Protein backbone atom coordinates (compact mmCIF):
# COMPACT_ATOMS: atom_id res chain seq x y z
CA MET A 1 20.20 11.29 -61.42
CA VAL A 2 18.85 14.75 -61.62
CA GLY A 3 21.42 17.32 -62.62
CA LEU A 4 21.73 21.05 -62.26
CA VAL A 5 22.63 22.70 -65.53
CA SER A 6 23.80 26.30 -65.55
CA THR A 7 24.42 28.37 -68.67
CA ARG A 8 25.99 31.86 -68.76
CA ALA A 9 25.05 34.26 -71.53
CA PRO A 10 27.86 36.44 -73.04
CA PHE A 11 27.99 40.04 -71.87
CA THR A 12 26.96 42.70 -74.39
CA THR A 13 28.65 46.06 -74.92
CA ILE A 14 26.96 49.14 -73.51
CA HIS A 15 27.19 51.96 -76.05
CA SER A 16 28.14 54.92 -73.88
CA ARG A 17 27.64 57.52 -76.67
CA SER A 18 23.97 56.71 -77.21
CA THR A 19 23.50 56.37 -73.48
CA PHE A 20 25.07 59.81 -72.95
CA LYS A 21 22.77 61.39 -75.54
CA SER A 22 19.81 59.67 -74.00
CA GLY A 23 20.81 60.90 -70.58
CA ILE A 24 21.31 64.50 -71.76
CA SER A 25 18.11 64.48 -73.77
CA ARG A 26 16.00 62.94 -71.03
CA CYS A 27 17.32 65.23 -68.32
CA ASN A 28 17.40 68.42 -70.47
CA SER A 29 20.34 69.61 -68.35
CA LEU A 30 21.51 72.57 -70.47
CA ASN A 31 21.67 74.93 -67.52
CA SER A 32 23.53 72.67 -65.14
CA LEU A 33 26.51 70.51 -65.96
CA ARG A 34 26.24 68.90 -62.57
CA TYR A 35 22.58 68.12 -63.12
CA GLY A 36 23.44 66.71 -66.54
CA LEU A 37 26.15 64.48 -65.10
CA GLU A 38 23.76 63.25 -62.43
CA CYS A 39 21.19 62.40 -65.07
CA LEU A 40 23.87 60.73 -67.18
CA SER A 41 24.84 58.62 -64.17
CA SER A 42 21.22 57.74 -63.59
CA SER A 43 20.79 56.77 -67.24
CA LEU A 44 23.92 54.66 -67.23
CA ASN A 45 22.82 52.91 -64.05
CA TRP A 46 19.43 52.14 -65.60
CA SER A 47 21.09 50.80 -68.76
CA LEU A 48 23.42 48.61 -66.73
CA LYS A 49 20.52 47.42 -64.60
CA LYS A 50 18.52 46.41 -67.69
CA ASP A 51 21.52 44.55 -69.10
CA ALA A 52 22.07 42.81 -65.78
CA ILE A 53 18.45 41.68 -65.74
CA SER A 54 18.55 40.38 -69.30
CA LEU A 55 21.99 38.80 -69.02
CA ALA A 56 21.72 37.15 -65.60
CA PRO A 57 22.85 33.50 -65.82
CA ARG A 58 19.88 31.12 -65.97
CA ALA A 59 19.82 27.61 -64.52
CA SER A 60 17.67 24.80 -65.85
CA VAL A 61 16.59 22.87 -62.80
CA GLU A 62 14.60 19.66 -62.66
CA SER A 63 13.52 18.70 -59.15
CA VAL A 64 12.48 15.18 -58.24
CA ASP A 65 11.58 14.04 -54.76
CA TYR A 66 13.58 11.18 -53.29
CA VAL A 67 13.22 8.90 -50.29
CA ALA A 68 16.33 7.61 -48.49
CA GLU A 69 16.43 4.02 -47.29
CA PRO A 70 17.40 4.53 -43.60
CA ALA A 71 20.04 1.82 -43.14
CA THR A 72 22.05 2.39 -46.33
CA LYS A 73 21.13 6.04 -47.05
CA VAL A 74 20.48 5.00 -50.67
CA LYS A 75 17.99 7.35 -52.31
CA PHE A 76 15.05 6.20 -54.41
CA PRO A 77 12.82 8.50 -56.46
CA LYS A 78 9.21 8.71 -55.37
CA GLU A 79 8.29 7.99 -59.00
CA MET A 80 10.14 6.34 -61.87
CA THR A 81 9.54 4.83 -65.29
CA VAL A 82 10.85 1.43 -66.37
CA PRO A 83 12.21 0.47 -69.79
CA GLY A 84 9.44 -0.16 -72.29
CA TYR A 85 6.72 1.67 -70.36
CA LEU A 86 5.88 5.37 -70.30
CA LYS A 87 3.62 5.51 -67.24
CA SER A 88 5.33 6.29 -63.95
CA LEU A 89 5.42 3.81 -61.11
CA VAL A 90 5.24 5.06 -57.52
CA LEU A 91 7.48 4.01 -54.63
CA LEU A 92 5.63 1.84 -52.11
CA GLY A 93 8.52 1.05 -49.76
CA ALA A 94 12.29 0.54 -49.44
CA GLY A 95 14.62 -1.72 -47.45
CA TYR A 96 17.97 -3.49 -47.63
CA ARG A 97 19.40 -7.00 -48.07
CA GLU A 98 21.99 -8.23 -45.63
CA LYS A 99 24.20 -11.32 -45.83
CA VAL A 100 25.98 -12.80 -42.84
CA PHE A 101 29.68 -13.60 -43.19
CA ALA A 102 31.46 -15.06 -40.14
CA ILE A 103 28.56 -13.92 -37.91
CA ILE A 104 28.90 -10.36 -39.20
CA GLY A 105 25.98 -8.87 -41.11
CA VAL A 106 27.05 -7.12 -44.33
CA LYS A 107 24.64 -4.96 -46.29
CA VAL A 108 24.70 -5.95 -49.98
CA TYR A 109 22.04 -3.78 -51.56
CA ALA A 110 19.11 -1.47 -50.96
CA ALA A 111 15.82 -2.10 -52.76
CA GLY A 112 12.79 0.02 -53.55
CA PHE A 113 9.47 -1.50 -54.62
CA PHE A 114 7.45 0.46 -57.17
CA VAL A 115 3.89 -0.14 -58.34
CA ASN A 116 1.47 1.22 -60.89
CA SER A 117 -0.89 3.60 -59.10
CA SER A 118 -3.82 1.58 -60.45
CA ILE A 119 -2.89 -1.19 -57.98
CA LYS A 120 -5.43 0.31 -55.57
CA GLU A 121 -8.22 -0.88 -57.86
CA HIS A 122 -7.10 -4.48 -57.32
CA LEU A 123 -6.94 -4.21 -53.53
CA SER A 124 -10.43 -2.88 -52.83
CA SER A 125 -11.35 -5.97 -50.79
CA SER A 126 -8.54 -5.12 -48.33
CA LYS A 127 -9.55 -1.51 -47.80
CA GLY A 128 -9.25 -0.36 -44.19
CA LYS A 129 -6.71 -2.97 -43.10
CA ILE A 130 -3.85 -1.93 -40.83
CA GLU A 131 -0.17 -2.97 -40.89
CA LYS A 132 -0.53 -5.95 -38.56
CA GLU A 133 -3.29 -7.39 -40.73
CA ILE A 134 -1.55 -6.66 -44.02
CA SER A 135 1.75 -8.26 -42.99
CA VAL A 136 0.12 -11.68 -42.46
CA ASP A 137 -2.48 -11.47 -45.22
CA PHE A 138 -0.77 -13.22 -48.12
CA SER A 139 -3.83 -12.70 -50.32
CA ILE A 140 -2.90 -9.00 -50.57
CA PHE A 141 0.54 -9.78 -52.00
CA ASN A 142 -0.97 -12.44 -54.26
CA SER A 143 -3.35 -9.80 -55.57
CA ILE A 144 -0.44 -7.45 -56.23
CA PHE A 145 1.50 -10.16 -58.06
CA ASN A 146 -1.47 -11.20 -60.21
CA ALA A 147 -2.71 -7.67 -60.92
CA PRO A 148 -2.46 -6.83 -64.66
CA CYS A 149 -0.20 -3.84 -64.10
CA GLU A 150 3.54 -3.29 -63.73
CA LYS A 151 5.44 -3.53 -60.45
CA SER A 152 9.20 -3.23 -60.23
CA LEU A 153 11.97 -3.88 -57.74
CA ASN A 154 14.82 -1.38 -58.04
CA ILE A 155 17.95 -2.93 -56.52
CA LYS A 156 20.94 -0.65 -55.88
CA LEU A 157 24.19 -2.34 -54.86
CA VAL A 158 26.06 -0.82 -51.94
CA ARG A 159 29.20 -2.94 -52.50
CA ASN A 160 30.95 -4.67 -55.39
CA VAL A 161 29.55 -8.10 -56.22
CA ASP A 162 30.49 -10.46 -59.04
CA GLY A 163 27.65 -11.63 -61.27
CA LYS A 164 27.89 -15.28 -60.23
CA THR A 165 27.52 -14.42 -56.55
CA PHE A 166 24.51 -12.23 -57.27
CA TRP A 167 22.85 -14.92 -59.36
CA ASP A 168 23.57 -17.61 -56.78
CA ALA A 169 21.84 -15.47 -54.14
CA LEU A 170 18.80 -15.03 -56.39
CA ASN A 171 18.75 -18.71 -57.28
CA ASP A 172 18.78 -19.60 -53.58
CA VAL A 173 15.60 -17.53 -53.29
CA ILE A 174 13.86 -18.88 -56.40
CA THR A 175 14.59 -22.60 -56.76
CA PRO A 176 13.52 -23.83 -53.27
CA ARG A 177 10.16 -22.10 -53.79
CA ILE A 178 9.29 -24.06 -56.95
CA LYS A 179 7.68 -27.39 -56.11
CA GLU A 180 8.38 -29.02 -59.45
CA ILE A 181 10.65 -27.40 -62.03
CA THR A 182 9.33 -27.69 -65.58
CA GLY A 183 11.15 -27.33 -68.89
CA THR A 184 9.83 -23.78 -69.17
CA ASP A 185 11.23 -23.02 -65.72
CA GLU A 186 14.64 -24.45 -66.65
CA VAL A 187 14.81 -22.20 -69.72
CA ALA A 188 13.84 -19.18 -67.65
CA LEU A 189 16.43 -19.97 -64.97
CA SER A 190 19.07 -20.38 -67.66
CA VAL A 191 18.26 -16.94 -69.09
CA PHE A 192 18.34 -15.46 -65.58
CA ARG A 193 21.74 -17.04 -64.88
CA THR A 194 23.24 -15.98 -68.22
CA THR A 195 22.13 -12.39 -67.67
CA PHE A 196 24.32 -12.04 -64.56
CA MET A 197 27.07 -14.69 -64.75
CA ASP A 198 29.61 -12.70 -66.78
CA ARG A 199 28.93 -9.29 -65.29
CA THR A 200 30.96 -7.34 -62.78
CA LEU A 201 28.40 -5.59 -60.61
CA LYS A 202 30.04 -2.62 -58.95
CA GLU A 203 28.77 -0.51 -56.08
CA GLY A 204 26.08 1.82 -57.43
CA THR A 205 24.80 -0.62 -60.05
CA ASN A 206 21.04 -0.43 -60.63
CA ILE A 207 19.06 -3.58 -61.35
CA LEU A 208 15.36 -3.49 -62.23
CA LEU A 209 13.24 -6.61 -61.88
CA THR A 210 9.89 -5.67 -63.41
CA TRP A 211 6.86 -7.95 -63.27
CA VAL A 212 4.76 -7.03 -66.30
CA GLU A 213 2.40 -9.94 -65.76
CA PRO A 214 2.70 -13.23 -63.84
CA SER A 215 4.40 -14.97 -66.77
CA MET A 216 6.68 -12.08 -67.81
CA LEU A 217 9.55 -10.50 -65.87
CA LEU A 218 11.88 -7.92 -67.42
CA ILE A 219 15.49 -7.56 -66.25
CA SER A 220 17.36 -4.29 -66.77
CA VAL A 221 20.88 -3.48 -65.55
CA SER A 222 22.87 -0.24 -65.56
CA ALA A 223 26.22 0.55 -63.95
CA ASP A 224 25.48 4.02 -62.56
CA ARG A 225 21.91 5.14 -63.29
CA LEU A 226 18.40 3.83 -63.78
CA PRO A 227 18.46 1.42 -66.75
CA SER A 228 16.97 2.51 -70.06
CA ASN A 229 16.94 -0.87 -71.84
CA VAL A 230 15.62 -4.38 -71.22
CA ASP A 231 18.47 -6.89 -70.92
CA ALA A 232 16.43 -10.08 -70.59
CA LYS A 233 12.89 -11.47 -70.37
CA ILE A 234 11.96 -14.25 -67.95
CA GLU A 235 8.91 -16.09 -69.25
CA SER A 236 7.88 -18.43 -66.45
CA SER A 237 5.04 -17.97 -63.98
CA ASN A 238 6.73 -20.34 -61.50
CA VAL A 239 10.06 -18.53 -61.54
CA ASN A 240 8.49 -15.08 -61.40
CA SER A 241 6.13 -16.06 -58.59
CA ALA A 242 8.95 -17.66 -56.59
CA LEU A 243 11.05 -14.50 -56.89
CA PHE A 244 8.13 -12.33 -55.77
CA ASP A 245 7.44 -14.65 -52.84
CA GLY A 246 11.11 -14.46 -51.87
CA PHE A 247 10.70 -10.74 -51.20
CA PHE A 248 7.10 -10.57 -49.99
CA GLY A 249 6.22 -14.04 -48.70
CA ASP A 250 6.33 -15.34 -45.14
CA SER A 251 10.16 -15.58 -45.10
CA PRO A 252 11.32 -12.50 -47.02
CA VAL A 253 15.02 -12.08 -47.83
CA SER A 254 14.66 -8.43 -46.83
CA PRO A 255 12.35 -8.06 -43.81
CA SER A 256 12.95 -4.31 -43.82
CA LEU A 257 11.69 -4.03 -47.42
CA LYS A 258 8.53 -5.99 -46.73
CA SER A 259 7.87 -4.01 -43.55
CA SER A 260 8.25 -0.73 -45.43
CA VAL A 261 5.96 -1.92 -48.23
CA VAL A 262 3.36 -3.00 -45.66
CA SER A 263 3.42 0.56 -44.28
CA GLY A 264 2.97 1.90 -47.80
CA LEU A 265 0.03 -0.42 -48.38
CA GLU A 266 -1.63 0.71 -45.17
CA ALA A 267 -1.38 4.29 -46.40
CA ILE A 268 -3.14 3.58 -49.71
CA LEU A 269 -5.76 1.29 -48.16
CA ASN A 270 -6.90 3.79 -45.53
């Protein structure tokens, strides 16, 4: 989160004797005590004014633009960096995930999808398409997934969730989308499960799921801010593709996220 840091410099002492001499000398008020006092006052005021200018508290401000996800009011930066990479990723869209308990919809997290700005180079064949076309054109999302540049899902929890529940929800997205689970997939799923099983994920927790390439997904978790370290690597094209399809395929777990991303894609394609 961006902070506002304010520092206050110590006040200096104004040396009235030198100021008095300066005032008398400058004004040359030998013939008029009143005139001399007026000049002294003017000199003192100028000295105080200079000190006030030089000693005014200064604030170090860093401003970053944010976008609020409408349903949860969770804010996402328009740009962010992910652990292990220096180049900024840009926000393409944001939405929320809702689970139904006893016919009541409960919002679990908000999610922002970030991409490398070079993604436009890999979508040139879709230039000019509008939202309605993009939303049903799965080749566009396949191109995004397969593009040799980073894309990241920033998940921010809006309620407390235990690690097992969070993993079970992810597993319900991933496993049904893999036609035949291989040994490599089983290892990847085990790493995924272990990463979350013993964690207590409190409201405000940030989770980054970063696709570096089709066969490499980085997981980063932080309790109260954007993560700065990689917690796990998922090395399975099937698992990574299934997860991506779960958010951007024909039955997305967060329709609002996909819809927002589609709008973002229309903006960069037109």
